[in-house]
Amino acid sequence: MTFLTQPVIRLILPVFAMGAVILSSNELVQHPVEMTVGGIDLADLLTWGAFTYPIAFLVTDTTNRLFGAHKARLVVYIGFALGVFLTGVAALGLATTAAVAKNSDILTMLMEDEEAFAMLRTAVASGTAFLIAQLLDIAIFDRLRRLTWWKAPIFSSFAGSMIDTAIFFSIAFAGTGLPWMSWAAGDFCAKLVMIALLLYPFKLLVALYPSNLREA
């Protein structure tokens, strides 16, 4: 067995992919889509995070299909810790910058600086929603894994996205005065589109992966 074919080594790519998706989505979800289409202001309906977060389900479902539910859960746990850690570091960085500028301490700025606190709150919301939604996705996918190839990723991602959207937006934005309910509705619709678009990459990744290295 070579270094690159060892079971744990094969999970490095999905783990880092998951961490990158969480970090980028936590930042992008704070930025509305500043566009108008057909007289509809998309800033009231969508954030850019809606287009990156569904990739987390692609990572989870591909890992589940190739290596089984146990390895998929391992990727989720490690990716969750990595993503929240990186987001927390980003929040501390913003708080540190604000503390230097205002001659204050970092903890005070973490709570009082609007941008730093938003990032911290986003990290908490993202971590909670991510963990629950991804574990639900894995459980549903595992139950449906023997059906037609597209059913497991479609139904598991649909359920996971619905739960993720509800938990994330209520924790991250409730009480802020921002149009978070319309963002949540738009976010969920965008996730459904992305789930459909990511079906082919899922099928391609599974087909291209060497069968002798699969564990499920």
Protein backbone atom coordinates (compact mmCIF):
# COMPACT_ATOMS: atom_id res chain seq x y z
CA MET A 1 0.00 0.00 0.00
CA THR A 2 1.52 3.30 -1.08
CA PHE A 3 1.26 6.57 0.81
CA LEU A 4 -1.37 8.03 -1.54
CA THR A 5 -3.63 4.96 -1.40
CA GLN A 6 -3.88 4.78 2.38
CA PRO A 7 -7.51 5.30 3.53
CA VAL A 8 -6.80 8.30 5.76
CA ILE A 9 -4.68 10.05 3.11
CA ARG A 10 -7.52 9.80 0.59
CA LEU A 11 -9.68 11.95 2.86
CA ILE A 12 -7.28 14.92 2.88
CA LEU A 13 -8.71 16.46 -0.30
CA PRO A 14 -12.38 16.28 0.76
CA VAL A 15 -11.52 17.60 4.23
CA PHE A 16 -9.73 20.67 2.88
CA ALA A 17 -12.40 21.15 0.21
CA MET A 18 -15.02 21.16 2.96
CA GLY A 19 -13.08 23.67 5.05
CA ALA A 20 -12.63 25.95 2.04
CA VAL A 21 -16.35 25.79 1.20
CA ILE A 22 -17.34 26.70 4.77
CA LEU A 23 -14.89 29.59 5.01
CA SER A 24 -15.81 31.08 1.64
CA SER A 25 -19.54 30.61 2.22
CA ASN A 26 -19.37 32.27 5.64
CA GLU A 27 -17.86 35.34 3.99
CA LEU A 28 -20.03 35.35 0.86
CA VAL A 29 -23.30 34.91 2.76
CA GLN A 30 -22.78 38.41 4.16
CA HIS A 31 -22.79 39.89 0.65
CA PRO A 32 -26.14 40.22 -1.15
CA VAL A 33 -26.25 39.77 -4.93
CA GLU A 34 -26.37 43.40 -6.06
CA MET A 35 -28.24 42.85 -9.31
CA THR A 36 -31.67 43.55 -10.75
CA VAL A 37 -33.34 41.01 -13.03
CA GLY A 38 -36.72 41.72 -14.59
CA GLY A 39 -37.34 44.51 -12.12
CA ILE A 40 -36.58 42.21 -9.17
CA ASP A 41 -33.84 43.37 -6.80
CA LEU A 42 -31.83 40.22 -6.13
CA ALA A 43 -30.17 41.87 -3.11
CA ASP A 44 -33.45 41.28 -1.24
CA LEU A 45 -33.46 37.60 -2.15
CA LEU A 46 -29.95 36.23 -2.53
CA THR A 47 -26.47 36.26 -1.07
CA TRP A 48 -23.45 34.91 -2.92
CA GLY A 49 -23.10 32.17 -0.31
CA ALA A 50 -26.08 30.37 -1.83
CA PHE A 51 -23.94 29.42 -4.81
CA THR A 52 -20.93 28.06 -2.93
CA TYR A 53 -22.44 26.22 0.04
CA PRO A 54 -24.13 23.41 -1.98
CA ILE A 55 -20.62 22.27 -2.94
CA ALA A 56 -20.39 20.99 0.66
CA PHE A 57 -23.13 18.48 -0.16
CA LEU A 58 -21.23 17.45 -3.30
CA VAL A 59 -18.16 16.76 -1.15
CA THR A 60 -20.18 14.84 1.45
CA ASP A 61 -22.18 12.79 -1.04
CA THR A 62 -19.14 11.90 -3.16
CA THR A 63 -17.24 10.80 -0.04
CA ASN A 64 -20.27 8.81 1.12
CA ARG A 65 -20.61 7.07 -2.25
CA LEU A 66 -16.92 6.20 -2.52
CA PHE A 67 -15.94 5.50 1.09
CA GLY A 68 -19.16 4.97 3.05
CA ALA A 69 -21.13 6.85 5.70
CA HIS A 70 -18.49 6.51 8.42
CA LYS A 71 -15.79 8.24 6.34
CA ALA A 72 -18.27 10.88 5.20
CA ARG A 73 -19.06 11.71 8.83
CA LEU A 74 -15.33 11.93 9.55
CA VAL A 75 -14.91 14.44 6.71
CA VAL A 76 -17.85 16.46 8.04
CA TYR A 77 -16.47 16.57 11.60
CA ILE A 78 -12.96 17.57 10.54
CA GLY A 79 -14.18 19.96 7.85
CA PHE A 80 -16.58 21.50 10.35
CA ALA A 81 -13.78 22.10 12.87
CA LEU A 82 -11.46 23.48 10.20
CA GLY A 83 -14.09 25.78 8.70
CA VAL A 84 -15.23 27.19 12.04
CA PHE A 85 -11.62 27.63 13.14
CA LEU A 86 -10.72 29.55 9.98
CA THR A 87 -13.84 31.71 10.26
CA GLY A 88 -13.03 32.39 13.92
CA VAL A 89 -9.51 33.42 12.95
CA ALA A 90 -10.97 35.78 10.34
CA ALA A 91 -13.26 37.31 12.99
CA LEU A 92 -10.33 37.75 15.37
CA GLY A 93 -8.35 39.39 12.57
CA LEU A 94 -11.11 41.93 12.01
CA ALA A 95 -11.41 42.53 15.76
CA THR A 96 -7.65 43.01 16.08
CA THR A 97 -7.60 45.57 13.27
CA ALA A 98 -10.49 47.45 14.87
CA ALA A 99 -8.83 47.27 18.31
CA VAL A 100 -5.63 48.82 16.99
CA ALA A 101 -7.53 51.53 15.13
CA LYS A 102 -9.67 52.44 18.15
CA ASN A 103 -7.05 51.77 20.85
CA SER A 104 -9.25 49.13 22.47
CA ASP A 105 -8.91 45.45 23.37
CA ILE A 106 -9.66 42.59 20.99
CA LEU A 107 -12.49 41.01 23.02
CA THR A 108 -14.36 44.30 23.22
CA MET A 109 -13.99 44.85 19.49
CA LEU A 110 -15.09 41.27 18.79
CA MET A 111 -18.39 42.10 20.47
CA GLU A 112 -18.73 45.74 19.43
CA ASP A 113 -17.18 45.98 15.96
CA GLU A 114 -20.03 45.36 13.53
CA GLU A 115 -18.00 43.48 10.93
CA ALA A 116 -16.12 41.30 13.45
CA PHE A 117 -19.28 40.43 15.40
CA ALA A 118 -21.11 39.59 12.17
CA MET A 119 -18.32 37.17 11.25
CA LEU A 120 -18.40 35.61 14.75
CA ARG A 121 -22.18 35.22 14.67
CA THR A 122 -21.93 33.77 11.18
CA ALA A 123 -19.38 31.22 12.42
CA VAL A 124 -21.73 30.04 15.19
CA ALA A 125 -24.72 29.88 12.84
CA SER A 126 -22.74 28.16 10.12
CA GLY A 127 -21.25 25.58 12.46
CA THR A 128 -24.61 24.64 13.98
CA ALA A 129 -26.46 24.49 10.67
CA PHE A 130 -23.64 22.72 8.87
CA LEU A 131 -23.23 19.92 11.39
CA ILE A 132 -26.95 19.13 11.63
CA ALA A 133 -27.60 19.42 7.89
CA GLN A 134 -24.59 17.38 6.79
CA LEU A 135 -25.24 14.55 9.24
CA LEU A 136 -28.86 14.43 8.05
CA ASP A 137 -27.61 14.36 4.46
CA ILE A 138 -25.32 11.42 5.23
CA ALA A 139 -28.08 9.44 6.97
CA ILE A 140 -30.56 9.91 4.11
CA PHE A 141 -27.94 9.22 1.42
CA ASP A 142 -26.91 6.00 3.15
CA ARG A 143 -30.51 4.77 3.24
CA LEU A 144 -31.00 5.51 -0.46
CA ARG A 145 -27.54 4.52 -1.75
CA ARG A 146 -28.76 1.34 -3.49
CA LEU A 147 -31.46 3.13 -5.51
CA THR A 148 -30.96 4.80 -8.92
CA TRP A 149 -27.70 6.78 -8.76
CA TRP A 150 -29.28 10.26 -8.71
CA LYS A 151 -31.89 9.66 -6.01
CA ALA A 152 -29.54 9.54 -3.01
CA PRO A 153 -27.73 12.84 -3.74
CA ILE A 154 -30.91 14.66 -4.79
CA PHE A 155 -33.09 13.74 -1.81
CA SER A 156 -30.35 13.93 0.81
CA SER A 157 -29.13 17.32 -0.44
CA PHE A 158 -32.69 18.65 -0.62
CA ALA A 159 -33.41 17.73 3.01
CA GLY A 160 -30.02 18.94 4.20
CA SER A 161 -30.33 22.26 2.37
CA MET A 162 -33.78 22.91 3.81
CA ILE A 163 -32.60 22.32 7.38
CA ASP A 164 -29.37 24.23 6.84
CA THR A 165 -31.15 27.30 5.47
CA ALA A 166 -33.69 27.41 8.30
CA ILE A 167 -31.11 27.06 11.07
CA PHE A 168 -28.40 29.27 9.57
CA PHE A 169 -30.45 32.33 8.70
CA SER A 170 -32.44 32.33 11.94
CA ILE A 171 -29.25 32.26 14.04
CA ALA A 172 -27.09 34.51 11.85
CA PHE A 173 -29.52 37.29 11.01
CA ALA A 174 -32.64 37.21 13.21
CA GLY A 175 -33.07 40.56 14.96
CA THR A 176 -30.56 42.38 12.76
CA GLY A 177 -33.13 44.28 10.72
CA LEU A 178 -31.81 42.68 7.53
CA PRO A 179 -34.26 40.95 5.14
CA TRP A 180 -33.13 37.52 6.31
CA MET A 181 -36.41 35.71 5.65
CA SER A 182 -36.41 36.70 1.99
CA TRP A 183 -32.70 35.88 1.87
CA ALA A 184 -33.50 32.44 3.29
CA ALA A 185 -36.21 31.84 0.68
CA GLY A 186 -33.95 32.97 -2.15
CA ASP A 187 -31.04 31.01 -0.70
CA PHE A 188 -33.05 27.79 -0.62
CA CYS A 189 -34.24 28.25 -4.22
CA ALA A 190 -30.67 28.89 -5.37
CA LYS A 191 -29.49 25.80 -3.49
CA LEU A 192 -32.07 23.68 -5.31
CA VAL A 193 -30.74 24.93 -8.64
CA MET A 194 -27.17 24.22 -7.56
CA ILE A 195 -28.10 20.72 -6.36
CA ALA A 196 -29.40 19.94 -9.85
CA LEU A 197 -26.33 21.45 -11.54
CA LEU A 198 -23.94 19.51 -9.29
CA LEU A 199 -25.47 16.14 -10.16
CA TYR A 200 -23.24 15.72 -13.21
CA PRO A 201 -20.00 16.57 -11.33
CA PHE A 202 -21.08 14.02 -8.69
CA LYS A 203 -21.60 11.33 -11.32
CA LEU A 204 -18.33 12.24 -13.05
CA LEU A 205 -16.25 12.17 -9.85
CA VAL A 206 -17.68 8.78 -8.88
CA ALA A 207 -17.14 7.36 -12.37
CA LEU A 208 -13.54 8.58 -12.62
CA TYR A 209 -12.45 7.34 -9.20
CA PRO A 210 -10.59 3.98 -9.44
CA SER A 211 -12.90 1.16 -8.39
CA ASN A 212 -10.09 -0.68 -6.57
CA LEU A 213 -9.69 2.27 -4.17
CA ARG A 214 -13.35 2.50 -3.20
CA GLU A 215 -14.55 1.31 0.18
CA ALA A 216 -18.33 1.37 -0.35
